[in-house]
């Protein structure tokens, strides 16, 4: 396979993981990086040996010389950067959350479609090894037809020290973390058409909600609960593990602490460990997320080479983003929201 060249826009907290992931793919080279902060630009450029460094996205695209762009900035800049990539007909990966609003997200998908370029959202939680293991059990039909599920992420981990901007936004846990959990629910149970949500702010030092409980009605009849919390003080901190429970017509599945997967079906009960790999550049407890970054990037490269749409394309992610919007709307109104009304 020929060498694929990329550019990275945004050299912040999470982008270092993406640079490590690209470095691990033999046929990929990040040839240019961009950030408005010269110090972050210097740190990432020196660490990964990237000579071309820009403080302007426009200048980055003007010089060109890359086959895709990885947009690892905060949400407010996403639409402008995706539309800039589309204007230069450069395939783009966009960090989550996709956009500030659903209308912005739709416009970004339209821009990519109009330019004929692939657009993938970096929705990496569904690429975690334990989540892929759960999906494989469902696909094998071991527990029959699922009718109920739960995706749960409850923690007291201090996420604000590394990403202080998270404490300032009026929308926090659903937009930052719940979006991942909702996408896992879609990945495992299919699209949803109804949402009922309740939120709370337990930490008085933040602006947004840090607890959310969401009830989803899926198109195929499955009911799921998605619950997320950064206010749960547990005897053993599970961060950043996602727990999954699924009941099916012939059995049950439970993904619990320390990546223990218990599957009960007609032929008995099995227990296995579905732990992520600790990559050479990764560190505990982040290694679960870090491995999923590498896996989604590998998926992007394979689909780009095959000229096929990635699984977490912009078009697909509209469904996940609509669930986020529906959750906030439901919590504000105190009523169930129809996804049909949001997506049109």
C-alpha atoms as a PDB file:
ATOM      1  CA  UNK A   1       0.000   0.000   0.000  1.00  0.00           C
ATOM      2  CA  UNK A   2       1.324   3.454  -0.937  1.00  0.00           C
ATOM      3  CA  UNK A   3       2.261   5.912   1.791  1.00  0.00           C
ATOM      4  CA  UNK A   4      -0.724   7.958   2.964  1.00  0.00           C
ATOM      5  CA  UNK A   5       0.100  11.461   4.143  1.00  0.00           C
ATOM      6  CA  UNK A   6      -1.958  13.323   6.722  1.00  0.00           C
ATOM      7  CA  UNK A   7      -2.134  16.663   8.510  1.00  0.00           C
ATOM      8  CA  UNK A   8      -3.218  17.218  12.118  1.00  0.00           C
ATOM      9  CA  UNK A   9      -5.050  20.387  13.135  1.00  0.00           C
ATOM     10  CA  UNK A  10      -5.098  20.858  16.906  1.00  0.00           C
ATOM     11  CA  UNK A  11      -2.215  19.826  19.172  1.00  0.00           C
ATOM     12  CA  UNK A  12      -4.010  19.741  22.512  1.00  0.00           C
ATOM     13  CA  UNK A  13      -4.584  17.208  25.291  1.00  0.00           C
ATOM     14  CA  UNK A  14      -6.018  14.351  23.224  1.00  0.00           C
ATOM     15  CA  UNK A  15      -4.170  14.933  19.951  1.00  0.00           C
ATOM     16  CA  UNK A  16      -1.017  13.306  21.316  1.00  0.00           C
ATOM     17  CA  UNK A  17      -2.875   9.984  21.415  1.00  0.00           C
ATOM     18  CA  UNK A  18      -3.844  10.453  17.786  1.00  0.00           C
ATOM     19  CA  UNK A  19      -0.251  11.185  16.809  1.00  0.00           C
ATOM     20  CA  UNK A  20       0.904   8.003  18.530  1.00  0.00           C
ATOM     21  CA  UNK A  21      -1.821   6.063  16.726  1.00  0.00           C
ATOM     22  CA  UNK A  22      -0.776   7.409  13.323  1.00  0.00           C
ATOM     23  CA  UNK A  23       2.860   6.656  14.100  1.00  0.00           C
ATOM     24  CA  UNK A  24       1.955   2.987  14.665  1.00  0.00           C
ATOM     25  CA  UNK A  25       0.447   2.583  11.168  1.00  0.00           C
ATOM     26  CA  UNK A  26       3.284   1.670   8.816  1.00  0.00           C
ATOM     27  CA  UNK A  27       1.913   3.317   5.678  1.00  0.00           C
ATOM     28  CA  UNK A  28       0.809   6.598   7.284  1.00  0.00           C
ATOM     29  CA  UNK A  29       2.881   9.736   7.866  1.00  0.00           C
ATOM     30  CA  UNK A  30       1.692  12.962   9.451  1.00  0.00           C
ATOM     31  CA  UNK A  31       3.567  15.556   7.394  1.00  0.00           C
ATOM     32  CA  UNK A  32       2.069  18.754   8.824  1.00  0.00           C
ATOM     33  CA  UNK A  33       0.615  19.970  12.112  1.00  0.00           C
ATOM     34  CA  UNK A  34      -1.328  23.107  12.967  1.00  0.00           C
ATOM     35  CA  UNK A  35      -2.219  24.907  16.203  1.00  0.00           C
ATOM     36  CA  UNK A  36      -2.707  28.548  17.152  1.00  0.00           C
ATOM     37  CA  UNK A  37      -0.593  28.004  20.284  1.00  0.00           C
ATOM     38  CA  UNK A  38       3.124  28.030  19.286  1.00  0.00           C
ATOM     39  CA  UNK A  39       4.178  26.156  22.428  1.00  0.00           C
ATOM     40  CA  UNK A  40       1.798  23.240  21.826  1.00  0.00           C
ATOM     41  CA  UNK A  41       2.912  23.236  18.206  1.00  0.00           C
ATOM     42  CA  UNK A  42       6.549  23.020  19.282  1.00  0.00           C
ATOM     43  CA  UNK A  43       5.936  20.237  21.824  1.00  0.00           C
ATOM     44  CA  UNK A  44       4.040  17.973  19.411  1.00  0.00           C
ATOM     45  CA  UNK A  45       6.279  18.806  16.465  1.00  0.00           C
ATOM     46  CA  UNK A  46       9.444  18.003  18.398  1.00  0.00           C
ATOM     47  CA  UNK A  47       8.015  14.849  19.994  1.00  0.00           C
ATOM     48  CA  UNK A  48       6.908  13.348  16.684  1.00  0.00           C
ATOM     49  CA  UNK A  49       9.478  14.852  14.351  1.00  0.00           C
ATOM     50  CA  UNK A  50       7.109  16.893  12.184  1.00  0.00           C
ATOM     51  CA  UNK A  51       8.918  19.740  10.409  1.00  0.00           C
ATOM     52  CA  UNK A  52       5.955  21.496   8.789  1.00  0.00           C
ATOM     53  CA  UNK A  53       4.223  23.537  11.490  1.00  0.00           C
ATOM     54  CA  UNK A  54       1.469  26.100  11.019  1.00  0.00           C
ATOM     55  CA  UNK A  55      -0.548  28.453  13.178  1.00  0.00           C
ATOM     56  CA  UNK A  56      -3.162  28.912  10.457  1.00  0.00           C
ATOM     57  CA  UNK A  57      -5.418  26.218   9.008  1.00  0.00           C
ATOM     58  CA  UNK A  58      -5.734  28.232   5.802  1.00  0.00           C
ATOM     59  CA  UNK A  59      -1.958  28.228   5.365  1.00  0.00           C
ATOM     60  CA  UNK A  60      -1.840  24.491   6.064  1.00  0.00           C
ATOM     61  CA  UNK A  61      -4.320  23.746   3.282  1.00  0.00           C
ATOM     62  CA  UNK A  62      -2.740  26.292   0.945  1.00  0.00           C
ATOM     63  CA  UNK A  63       0.581  24.426   1.094  1.00  0.00           C
ATOM     64  CA  UNK A  64      -1.229  21.064   0.843  1.00  0.00           C
ATOM     65  CA  UNK A  65       0.723  17.899   0.181  1.00  0.00           C
ATOM     66  CA  UNK A  66      -1.427  15.592   2.307  1.00  0.00           C
ATOM     67  CA  UNK A  67      -4.152  13.028   1.585  1.00  0.00           C
ATOM     68  CA  UNK A  68      -6.349  13.637   4.655  1.00  0.00           C
ATOM     69  CA  UNK A  69      -6.726  15.952   7.613  1.00  0.00           C
ATOM     70  CA  UNK A  70      -7.318  14.951  11.240  1.00  0.00           C
ATOM     71  CA  UNK A  71      -9.241  17.756  12.976  1.00  0.00           C
ATOM     72  CA  UNK A  72      -8.541  17.470  16.720  1.00  0.00           C
ATOM     73  CA  UNK A  73      -9.792  20.874  17.839  1.00  0.00           C
ATOM     74  CA  UNK A  74     -12.661  21.859  20.133  1.00  0.00           C
ATOM     75  CA  UNK A  75     -16.214  21.815  18.844  1.00  0.00           C
ATOM     76  CA  UNK A  76     -16.623  25.497  18.012  1.00  0.00           C
ATOM     77  CA  UNK A  77     -14.130  25.308  15.147  1.00  0.00           C
ATOM     78  CA  UNK A  78     -15.312  22.047  13.591  1.00  0.00           C
ATOM     79  CA  UNK A  79     -17.715  23.354  10.965  1.00  0.00           C
ATOM     80  CA  UNK A  80     -15.294  25.948   9.582  1.00  0.00           C
ATOM     81  CA  UNK A  81     -12.469  23.417   9.393  1.00  0.00           C
ATOM     82  CA  UNK A  82     -14.557  20.677   7.779  1.00  0.00           C
ATOM     83  CA  UNK A  83     -15.880  23.150   5.225  1.00  0.00           C
ATOM     84  CA  UNK A  84     -12.300  24.317   4.600  1.00  0.00           C
ATOM     85  CA  UNK A  85     -11.237  20.710   4.010  1.00  0.00           C
ATOM     86  CA  UNK A  86     -14.207  20.231   1.679  1.00  0.00           C
ATOM     87  CA  UNK A  87     -13.259  23.345  -0.301  1.00  0.00           C
ATOM     88  CA  UNK A  88      -9.838  21.773  -0.905  1.00  0.00           C
ATOM     89  CA  UNK A  89     -11.394  18.318  -1.493  1.00  0.00           C
ATOM     90  CA  UNK A  90      -9.326  16.786   1.327  1.00  0.00           C
ATOM     91  CA  UNK A  91     -10.877  13.814   3.213  1.00  0.00           C
ATOM     92  CA  UNK A  92     -11.426  14.717   6.860  1.00  0.00           C
ATOM     93  CA  UNK A  93     -11.640  13.150  10.299  1.00  0.00           C
ATOM     94  CA  UNK A  94     -13.444  15.343  12.821  1.00  0.00           C
ATOM     95  CA  UNK A  95     -13.180  15.030  16.598  1.00  0.00           C
ATOM     96  CA  UNK A  96     -16.378  14.555  18.597  1.00  0.00           C
ATOM     97  CA  UNK A  97     -18.719  16.170  19.451  1.00  0.00           C
ATOM     98  CA  UNK A  98     -19.404  16.655  15.759  1.00  0.00           C
ATOM     99  CA  UNK A  99     -20.682  20.241  15.951  1.00  0.00           C
ATOM    100  CA  UNK A 100     -22.244  22.847  18.249  1.00  0.00           C
ATOM    101  CA  UNK A 101     -25.704  22.189  16.789  1.00  0.00           C
ATOM    102  CA  UNK A 102     -27.465  19.572  14.711  1.00  0.00           C
ATOM    103  CA  UNK A 103     -27.908  22.122  11.921  1.00  0.00           C
ATOM    104  CA  UNK A 104     -24.136  22.683  11.836  1.00  0.00           C
ATOM    105  CA  UNK A 105     -23.593  18.923  11.690  1.00  0.00           C
ATOM    106  CA  UNK A 106     -26.017  18.562   8.781  1.00  0.00           C
ATOM    107  CA  UNK A 107     -24.244  21.395   6.949  1.00  0.00           C
ATOM    108  CA  UNK A 108     -20.885  19.673   7.439  1.00  0.00           C
ATOM    109  CA  UNK A 109     -22.211  16.408   6.015  1.00  0.00           C
ATOM    110  CA  UNK A 110     -23.645  18.325   3.056  1.00  0.00           C
ATOM    111  CA  UNK A 111     -20.302  20.078   2.479  1.00  0.00           C
ATOM    112  CA  UNK A 112     -18.415  16.771   2.457  1.00  0.00           C
ATOM    113  CA  UNK A 113     -20.996  15.156   0.167  1.00  0.00           C
ATOM    114  CA  UNK A 114     -20.851  18.135  -2.182  1.00  0.00           C
ATOM    115  CA  UNK A 115     -17.073  17.883  -2.380  1.00  0.00           C
ATOM    116  CA  UNK A 116     -17.172  14.111  -2.802  1.00  0.00           C
ATOM    117  CA  UNK A 117     -14.881  13.510   0.185  1.00  0.00           C
ATOM    118  CA  UNK A 118     -15.218  11.020   3.053  1.00  0.00           C
ATOM    119  CA  UNK A 119     -15.918  12.523   6.476  1.00  0.00           C
ATOM    120  CA  UNK A 120     -15.416  10.402   9.594  1.00  0.00           C
ATOM    121  CA  UNK A 121     -16.208  11.388  13.171  1.00  0.00           C
ATOM    122  CA  UNK A 122     -13.600  10.241  15.707  1.00  0.00           C
ATOM    123  CA  UNK A 123     -16.217   8.320  17.723  1.00  0.00           C
ATOM    124  CA  UNK A 124     -13.776   5.817  19.157  1.00  0.00           C
ATOM    125  CA  UNK A 125     -15.609   4.237  22.128  1.00  0.00           C
ATOM    126  CA  UNK A 126     -17.364   1.677  19.913  1.00  0.00           C
ATOM    127  CA  UNK A 127     -13.867   0.591  18.846  1.00  0.00           C
ATOM    128  CA  UNK A 128     -12.838  -0.406  22.376  1.00  0.00           C
ATOM    129  CA  UNK A 129     -11.860  -4.089  22.565  1.00  0.00           C
ATOM    130  CA  UNK A 130     -14.464  -4.951  25.270  1.00  0.00           C
ATOM    131  CA  UNK A 131     -17.275  -3.254  23.308  1.00  0.00           C
ATOM    132  CA  UNK A 132     -16.246  -5.100  20.135  1.00  0.00           C
ATOM    133  CA  UNK A 133     -16.335  -8.336  22.160  1.00  0.00           C
ATOM    134  CA  UNK A 134     -19.901  -7.585  23.294  1.00  0.00           C
ATOM    135  CA  UNK A 135     -20.938  -6.897  19.702  1.00  0.00           C
ATOM    136  CA  UNK A 136     -19.414 -10.213  18.584  1.00  0.00           C
ATOM    137  CA  UNK A 137     -21.517 -12.115  21.149  1.00  0.00           C
ATOM    138  CA  UNK A 138     -24.678 -10.418  19.898  1.00  0.00           C
ATOM    139  CA  UNK A 139     -23.779 -11.143  16.276  1.00  0.00           C
ATOM    140  CA  UNK A 140     -23.295 -14.835  17.088  1.00  0.00           C
ATOM    141  CA  UNK A 141     -26.813 -14.987  18.547  1.00  0.00           C
ATOM    142  CA  UNK A 142     -25.583 -16.542  21.793  1.00  0.00           C
ATOM    143  CA  UNK A 143     -28.243 -14.812  23.909  1.00  0.00           C
ATOM    144  CA  UNK A 144     -30.943 -14.808  21.256  1.00  0.00           C
ATOM    145  CA  UNK A 145     -32.759 -11.608  20.339  1.00  0.00           C
ATOM    146  CA  UNK A 146     -31.941  -8.700  22.695  1.00  0.00           C
ATOM    147  CA  UNK A 147     -34.916  -6.896  24.234  1.00  0.00           C
ATOM    148  CA  UNK A 148     -33.277  -4.781  26.973  1.00  0.00           C
ATOM    149  CA  UNK A 149     -29.878  -3.218  27.490  1.00  0.00           C
ATOM    150  CA  UNK A 150     -27.905  -0.830  29.637  1.00  0.00           C
ATOM    151  CA  UNK A 151     -24.742   1.129  28.854  1.00  0.00           C
ATOM    152  CA  UNK A 152     -23.270   2.608  32.036  1.00  0.00           C
ATOM    153  CA  UNK A 153     -20.289   4.871  32.768  1.00  0.00           C
ATOM    154  CA  UNK A 154     -20.144   6.037  36.387  1.00  0.00           C
ATOM    155  CA  UNK A 155     -17.016   7.589  37.866  1.00  0.00           C
ATOM    156  CA  UNK A 156     -15.604  10.200  40.206  1.00  0.00           C
ATOM    157  CA  UNK A 157     -12.445  10.704  38.132  1.00  0.00           C
ATOM    158  CA  UNK A 158     -11.099  14.266  37.868  1.00  0.00           C
ATOM    159  CA  UNK A 159     -11.374  14.975  34.149  1.00  0.00           C
ATOM    160  CA  UNK A 160     -11.119  18.726  34.671  1.00  0.00           C
ATOM    161  CA  UNK A 161      -7.415  18.893  35.564  1.00  0.00           C
ATOM    162  CA  UNK A 162      -6.392  17.742  32.081  1.00  0.00           C
ATOM    163  CA  UNK A 163      -9.247  19.460  30.239  1.00  0.00           C
ATOM    164  CA  UNK A 164     -10.225  22.526  32.315  1.00  0.00           C
ATOM    165  CA  UNK A 165     -12.540  23.867  29.595  1.00  0.00           C
ATOM    166  CA  UNK A 166     -14.945  21.009  30.419  1.00  0.00           C
ATOM    167  CA  UNK A 167     -15.874  22.757  33.676  1.00  0.00           C
ATOM    168  CA  UNK A 168     -16.914  25.939  31.899  1.00  0.00           C
ATOM    169  CA  UNK A 169     -19.457  24.786  29.337  1.00  0.00           C
ATOM    170  CA  UNK A 170     -23.182  24.858  30.069  1.00  0.00           C
ATOM    171  CA  UNK A 171     -23.398  21.418  28.464  1.00  0.00           C
ATOM    172  CA  UNK A 172     -20.988  18.877  29.909  1.00  0.00           C
ATOM    173  CA  UNK A 173     -21.439  15.175  30.492  1.00  0.00           C
ATOM    174  CA  UNK A 174     -23.949  14.288  27.769  1.00  0.00           C
ATOM    175  CA  UNK A 175     -22.020  16.231  25.148  1.00  0.00           C
ATOM    176  CA  UNK A 176     -18.560  15.083  26.236  1.00  0.00           C
ATOM    177  CA  UNK A 177     -19.067  11.535  27.558  1.00  0.00           C
ATOM    178  CA  UNK A 178     -22.700  10.622  27.011  1.00  0.00           C
ATOM    179  CA  UNK A 179     -22.225  11.002  23.281  1.00  0.00           C
ATOM    180  CA  UNK A 180     -19.855   7.998  23.421  1.00  0.00           C
ATOM    181  CA  UNK A 181     -22.269   5.937  25.506  1.00  0.00           C
ATOM    182  CA  UNK A 182     -25.172   6.803  23.215  1.00  0.00           C
ATOM    183  CA  UNK A 183     -23.117   5.769  20.195  1.00  0.00           C
ATOM    184  CA  UNK A 184     -22.333   2.449  21.896  1.00  0.00           C
ATOM    185  CA  UNK A 185     -26.087   1.960  22.409  1.00  0.00           C
ATOM    186  CA  UNK A 186     -26.662   2.592  18.699  1.00  0.00           C
ATOM    187  CA  UNK A 187     -23.799   0.267  17.785  1.00  0.00           C
ATOM    188  CA  UNK A 188     -25.179  -2.575  19.924  1.00  0.00           C
ATOM    189  CA  UNK A 189     -28.949  -2.041  19.676  1.00  0.00           C
ATOM    190  CA  UNK A 190     -29.564  -0.035  16.500  1.00  0.00           C
ATOM    191  CA  UNK A 191     -30.985   3.426  15.924  1.00  0.00           C
ATOM    192  CA  UNK A 192     -33.434   4.912  18.395  1.00  0.00           C
ATOM    193  CA  UNK A 193     -36.569   6.966  17.760  1.00  0.00           C
ATOM    194  CA  UNK A 194     -37.526   8.110  21.284  1.00  0.00           C
ATOM    195  CA  UNK A 195     -35.546   9.652  24.139  1.00  0.00           C
ATOM    196  CA  UNK A 196     -36.400  10.463  27.752  1.00  0.00           C
ATOM    197  CA  UNK A 197     -33.645  12.054  29.840  1.00  0.00           C
ATOM    198  CA  UNK A 198     -33.014  13.489  33.277  1.00  0.00           C
ATOM    199  CA  UNK A 199     -29.883  15.416  34.291  1.00  0.00           C
ATOM    200  CA  UNK A 200     -28.322  16.859  37.454  1.00  0.00           C
ATOM    201  CA  UNK A 201     -25.353  19.006  38.476  1.00  0.00           C
ATOM    202  CA  UNK A 202     -23.770  17.602  41.637  1.00  0.00           C
ATOM    203  CA  UNK A 203     -20.392  19.366  41.480  1.00  0.00           C
ATOM    204  CA  UNK A 204     -21.022  23.043  42.364  1.00  0.00           C
ATOM    205  CA  UNK A 205     -17.768  24.146  40.736  1.00  0.00           C
ATOM    206  CA  UNK A 206     -18.807  23.336  37.168  1.00  0.00           C
ATOM    207  CA  UNK A 207     -21.280  25.026  34.855  1.00  0.00           C
ATOM    208  CA  UNK A 208     -22.899  22.008  33.207  1.00  0.00           C
ATOM    209  CA  UNK A 209     -24.532  18.729  34.184  1.00  0.00           C
ATOM    210  CA  UNK A 210     -22.343  15.914  35.534  1.00  0.00           C
ATOM    211  CA  UNK A 211     -25.033  13.218  35.820  1.00  0.00           C
ATOM    212  CA  UNK A 212     -27.488  12.017  33.169  1.00  0.00           C
ATOM    213  CA  UNK A 213     -29.890   9.084  32.840  1.00  0.00           C
ATOM    214  CA  UNK A 214     -31.402   8.411  29.423  1.00  0.00           C
ATOM    215  CA  UNK A 215     -34.106   5.969  28.322  1.00  0.00           C
ATOM    216  CA  UNK A 216     -34.084   5.031  24.632  1.00  0.00           C
ATOM    217  CA  UNK A 217     -36.733   3.378  22.525  1.00  0.00           C
ATOM    218  CA  UNK A 218     -34.977   1.677  19.596  1.00  0.00           C
ATOM    219  CA  UNK A 219     -36.487   1.146  16.165  1.00  0.00           C
ATOM    220  CA  UNK A 220     -36.287  -2.648  16.545  1.00  0.00           C
ATOM    221  CA  UNK A 221     -38.235  -2.694  19.828  1.00  0.00           C
ATOM    222  CA  UNK A 222     -35.264  -2.846  22.208  1.00  0.00           C
ATOM    223  CA  UNK A 223     -35.390  -0.606  25.286  1.00  0.00           C
ATOM    224  CA  UNK A 224     -32.058   0.647  26.607  1.00  0.00           C
ATOM    225  CA  UNK A 225     -30.841   2.764  29.482  1.00  0.00           C
ATOM    226  CA  UNK A 226     -27.749   4.921  29.073  1.00  0.00           C
ATOM    227  CA  UNK A 227     -26.469   6.393  32.336  1.00  0.00           C
ATOM    228  CA  UNK A 228     -23.367   8.524  32.829  1.00  0.00           C
ATOM    229  CA  UNK A 229     -21.885  10.203  35.886  1.00  0.00           C
ATOM    230  CA  UNK A 230     -18.734  12.016  36.952  1.00  0.00           C
ATOM    231  CA  UNK A 231     -20.107  12.455  40.475  1.00  0.00           C
ATOM    232  CA  UNK A 232     -20.075   8.827  41.656  1.00  0.00           C
ATOM    233  CA  UNK A 233     -17.673   8.244  44.556  1.00  0.00           C
ATOM    234  CA  UNK A 234     -17.009   4.503  44.402  1.00  0.00           C
ATOM    235  CA  UNK A 235     -14.756   2.345  46.616  1.00  0.00           C
ATOM    236  CA  UNK A 236     -12.767   1.365  43.506  1.00  0.00           C
ATOM    237  CA  UNK A 237     -12.537   3.887  40.679  1.00  0.00           C
ATOM    238  CA  UNK A 238     -13.547   2.173  37.397  1.00  0.00           C
ATOM    239  CA  UNK A 239     -12.508   5.015  35.037  1.00  0.00           C
ATOM    240  CA  UNK A 240     -12.585   4.791  32.048  1.00  0.00           C
ATOM    241  CA  UNK A 241     -14.514   1.520  31.836  1.00  0.00           C
ATOM    242  CA  UNK A 242     -17.958   1.241  30.281  1.00  0.00           C
ATOM    243  CA  UNK A 243     -20.240  -1.431  31.744  1.00  0.00           C
ATOM    244  CA  UNK A 244     -22.846  -3.178  29.598  1.00  0.00           C
ATOM    245  CA  UNK A 245     -25.851  -5.337  30.498  1.00  0.00           C
ATOM    246  CA  UNK A 246     -28.023  -7.038  27.874  1.00  0.00           C
ATOM    247  CA  UNK A 247     -30.988  -9.367  28.253  1.00  0.00           C
ATOM    248  CA  UNK A 248     -31.933 -11.524  25.281  1.00  0.00           C
ATOM    249  CA  UNK A 249     -34.625 -14.057  24.477  1.00  0.00           C
ATOM    250  CA  UNK A 250     -32.345 -17.014  25.335  1.00  0.00           C
ATOM    251  CA  UNK A 251     -29.733 -15.553  27.680  1.00  0.00           C
ATOM    252  CA  UNK A 252     -27.933 -12.590  29.173  1.00  0.00           C
ATOM    253  CA  UNK A 253     -24.648 -10.732  28.854  1.00  0.00           C
ATOM    254  CA  UNK A 254     -22.790  -8.659  31.438  1.00  0.00           C
ATOM    255  CA  UNK A 255     -19.601  -6.671  30.829  1.00  0.00           C
ATOM    256  CA  UNK A 256     -18.344  -5.683  34.271  1.00  0.00           C
ATOM    257  CA  UNK A 257     -15.387  -4.290  36.144  1.00  0.00           C
ATOM    258  CA  UNK A 258     -11.873  -5.060  34.934  1.00  0.00           C
ATOM    259  CA  UNK A 259     -13.259  -6.120  31.554  1.00  0.00           C
ATOM    260  CA  UNK A 260     -14.899  -9.313  32.779  1.00  0.00           C
ATOM    261  CA  UNK A 261     -17.468 -10.571  30.270  1.00  0.00           C
ATOM    262  CA  UNK A 262     -20.093 -13.044  31.513  1.00  0.00           C
ATOM    263  CA  UNK A 263     -22.372 -14.648  28.932  1.00  0.00           C
ATOM    264  CA  UNK A 264     -25.222 -16.950  29.934  1.00  0.00           C
ATOM    265  CA  UNK A 265     -27.096 -18.903  27.294  1.00  0.00           C
ATOM    266  CA  UNK A 266     -28.783 -22.240  26.581  1.00  0.00           C
ATOM    267  CA  UNK A 267     -25.432 -24.039  26.680  1.00  0.00           C
ATOM    268  CA  UNK A 268     -24.388 -22.623  30.061  1.00  0.00           C
ATOM    269  CA  UNK A 269     -22.341 -19.727  31.384  1.00  0.00           C
ATOM    270  CA  UNK A 270     -18.930 -18.552  30.211  1.00  0.00           C
ATOM    271  CA  UNK A 271     -16.627 -15.959  31.739  1.00  0.00           C
ATOM    272  CA  UNK A 272     -13.749 -14.320  29.908  1.00  0.00           C
ATOM    273  CA  UNK A 273     -11.504 -11.278  30.104  1.00  0.00           C
ATOM    274  CA  UNK A 274     -11.802  -8.915  27.155  1.00  0.00           C
ATOM    275  CA  UNK A 275      -9.173  -6.409  28.287  1.00  0.00           C
ATOM    276  CA  UNK A 276      -7.597  -3.929  25.872  1.00  0.00           C
ATOM    277  CA  UNK A 277      -3.965  -4.159  24.887  1.00  0.00           C
ATOM    278  CA  UNK A 278      -1.535  -1.893  26.701  1.00  0.00           C
ATOM    279  CA  UNK A 279       0.190  -0.318  23.693  1.00  0.00           C
ATOM    280  CA  UNK A 280       3.852   0.725  24.151  1.00  0.00           C
ATOM    281  CA  UNK A 281       2.938   4.421  24.272  1.00  0.00           C
ATOM    282  CA  UNK A 282      -0.223   4.001  26.368  1.00  0.00           C
ATOM    283  CA  UNK A 283      -0.688   4.316  30.118  1.00  0.00           C
ATOM    284  CA  UNK A 284      -3.213   2.935  32.581  1.00  0.00           C
ATOM    285  CA  UNK A 285      -6.078   3.587  33.046  1.00  0.00           C
ATOM    286  CA  UNK A 286      -6.278   5.419  29.708  1.00  0.00           C
ATOM    287  CA  UNK A 287      -5.065   2.424  27.681  1.00  0.00           C
ATOM    288  CA  UNK A 288      -8.608   1.289  26.861  1.00  0.00           C
ATOM    289  CA  UNK A 289      -9.356   4.587  25.124  1.00  0.00           C
ATOM    290  CA  UNK A 290      -5.874   4.859  23.654  1.00  0.00           C
ATOM    291  CA  UNK A 291      -6.137   1.449  21.991  1.00  0.00           C
ATOM    292  CA  UNK A 292      -9.511   2.405  20.506  1.00  0.00           C
ATOM    293  CA  UNK A 293      -7.894   5.497  18.960  1.00  0.00           C
ATOM    294  CA  UNK A 294      -5.401   3.278  17.164  1.00  0.00           C
ATOM    295  CA  UNK A 295      -8.186   0.920  16.023  1.00  0.00           C
ATOM    296  CA  UNK A 296     -10.418   3.630  14.577  1.00  0.00           C
ATOM    297  CA  UNK A 297      -7.476   5.204  12.766  1.00  0.00           C
ATOM    298  CA  UNK A 298      -6.608   1.838  11.217  1.00  0.00           C
ATOM    299  CA  UNK A 299     -10.257   1.577  10.111  1.00  0.00           C
ATOM    300  CA  UNK A 300     -10.061   5.027   8.505  1.00  0.00           C
ATOM    301  CA  UNK A 301      -6.921   4.132   6.543  1.00  0.00           C
ATOM    302  CA  UNK A 302      -8.427   0.863   5.308  1.00  0.00           C
ATOM    303  CA  UNK A 303     -11.665   2.531   4.214  1.00  0.00           C
ATOM    304  CA  UNK A 304      -9.819   5.456   2.630  1.00  0.00           C
ATOM    305  CA  UNK A 305      -7.676   3.068   0.581  1.00  0.00           C
ATOM    306  CA  UNK A 306     -10.760   1.043  -0.436  1.00  0.00           C
ATOM    307  CA  UNK A 307     -12.784   4.215  -1.198  1.00  0.00           C
ATOM    308  CA  UNK A 308     -15.505   3.044   1.194  1.00  0.00           C
ATOM    309  CA  UNK A 309     -17.466   5.051   3.778  1.00  0.00           C
ATOM    310  CA  UNK A 310     -16.183   4.600   7.358  1.00  0.00           C
ATOM    311  CA  UNK A 311     -18.520   3.109   9.967  1.00  0.00           C
ATOM    312  CA  UNK A 312     -18.600   6.352  11.970  1.00  0.00           C
ATOM    313  CA  UNK A 313     -19.102   8.616   8.978  1.00  0.00           C
ATOM    314  CA  UNK A 314     -20.549  12.084   9.370  1.00  0.00           C
ATOM    315  CA  UNK A 315     -23.828  10.795   7.992  1.00  0.00           C
ATOM    316  CA  UNK A 316     -23.948   7.963  10.532  1.00  0.00           C
ATOM    317  CA  UNK A 317     -22.968  10.262  13.386  1.00  0.00           C
ATOM    318  CA  UNK A 318     -25.949  12.516  12.740  1.00  0.00           C
ATOM    319  CA  UNK A 319     -27.999   9.795  14.454  1.00  0.00           C
ATOM    320  CA  UNK A 320     -25.736   9.851  17.530  1.00  0.00           C
ATOM    321  CA  UNK A 321     -25.639  13.645  17.637  1.00  0.00           C
ATOM    322  CA  UNK A 322     -29.423  13.776  17.375  1.00  0.00           C
ATOM    323  CA  UNK A 323     -29.627  11.603  20.502  1.00  0.00           C
ATOM    324  CA  UNK A 324     -27.458  14.135  22.349  1.00  0.00           C
ATOM    325  CA  UNK A 325     -29.724  16.986  21.257  1.00  0.00           C
ATOM    326  CA  UNK A 326     -32.815  14.962  22.157  1.00  0.00           C
ATOM    327  CA  UNK A 327     -31.413  14.236  25.626  1.00  0.00           C
ATOM    328  CA  UNK A 328     -30.876  17.916  26.397  1.00  0.00           C
ATOM    329  CA  UNK A 329     -34.281  18.803  24.985  1.00  0.00           C
ATOM    330  CA  UNK A 330     -36.004  16.058  26.988  1.00  0.00           C
ATOM    331  CA  UNK A 331     -34.269  17.049  30.226  1.00  0.00           C
ATOM    332  CA  UNK A 332     -35.172  20.697  29.720  1.00  0.00           C
ATOM    333  CA  UNK A 333     -38.817  20.009  28.890  1.00  0.00           C
ATOM    334  CA  UNK A 334     -39.308  17.075  31.233  1.00  0.00           C
ATOM    335  CA  UNK A 335     -40.884  15.010  28.468  1.00  0.00           C
ATOM    336  CA  UNK A 336     -40.102  12.328  25.890  1.00  0.00           C
ATOM    337  CA  UNK A 337     -38.691  13.569  22.579  1.00  0.00           C
ATOM    338  CA  UNK A 338     -39.140  12.011  19.147  1.00  0.00           C
ATOM    339  CA  UNK A 339     -35.983  11.716  17.043  1.00  0.00           C
ATOM    340  CA  UNK A 340     -38.061  11.966  13.890  1.00  0.00           C
ATOM    341  CA  UNK A 341     -38.857  15.581  14.765  1.00  0.00           C
ATOM    342  CA  UNK A 342     -35.152  16.440  15.078  1.00  0.00           C
ATOM    343  CA  UNK A 343     -33.796  14.617  12.032  1.00  0.00           C
ATOM    344  CA  UNK A 344     -36.692  15.411   9.734  1.00  0.00           C
END
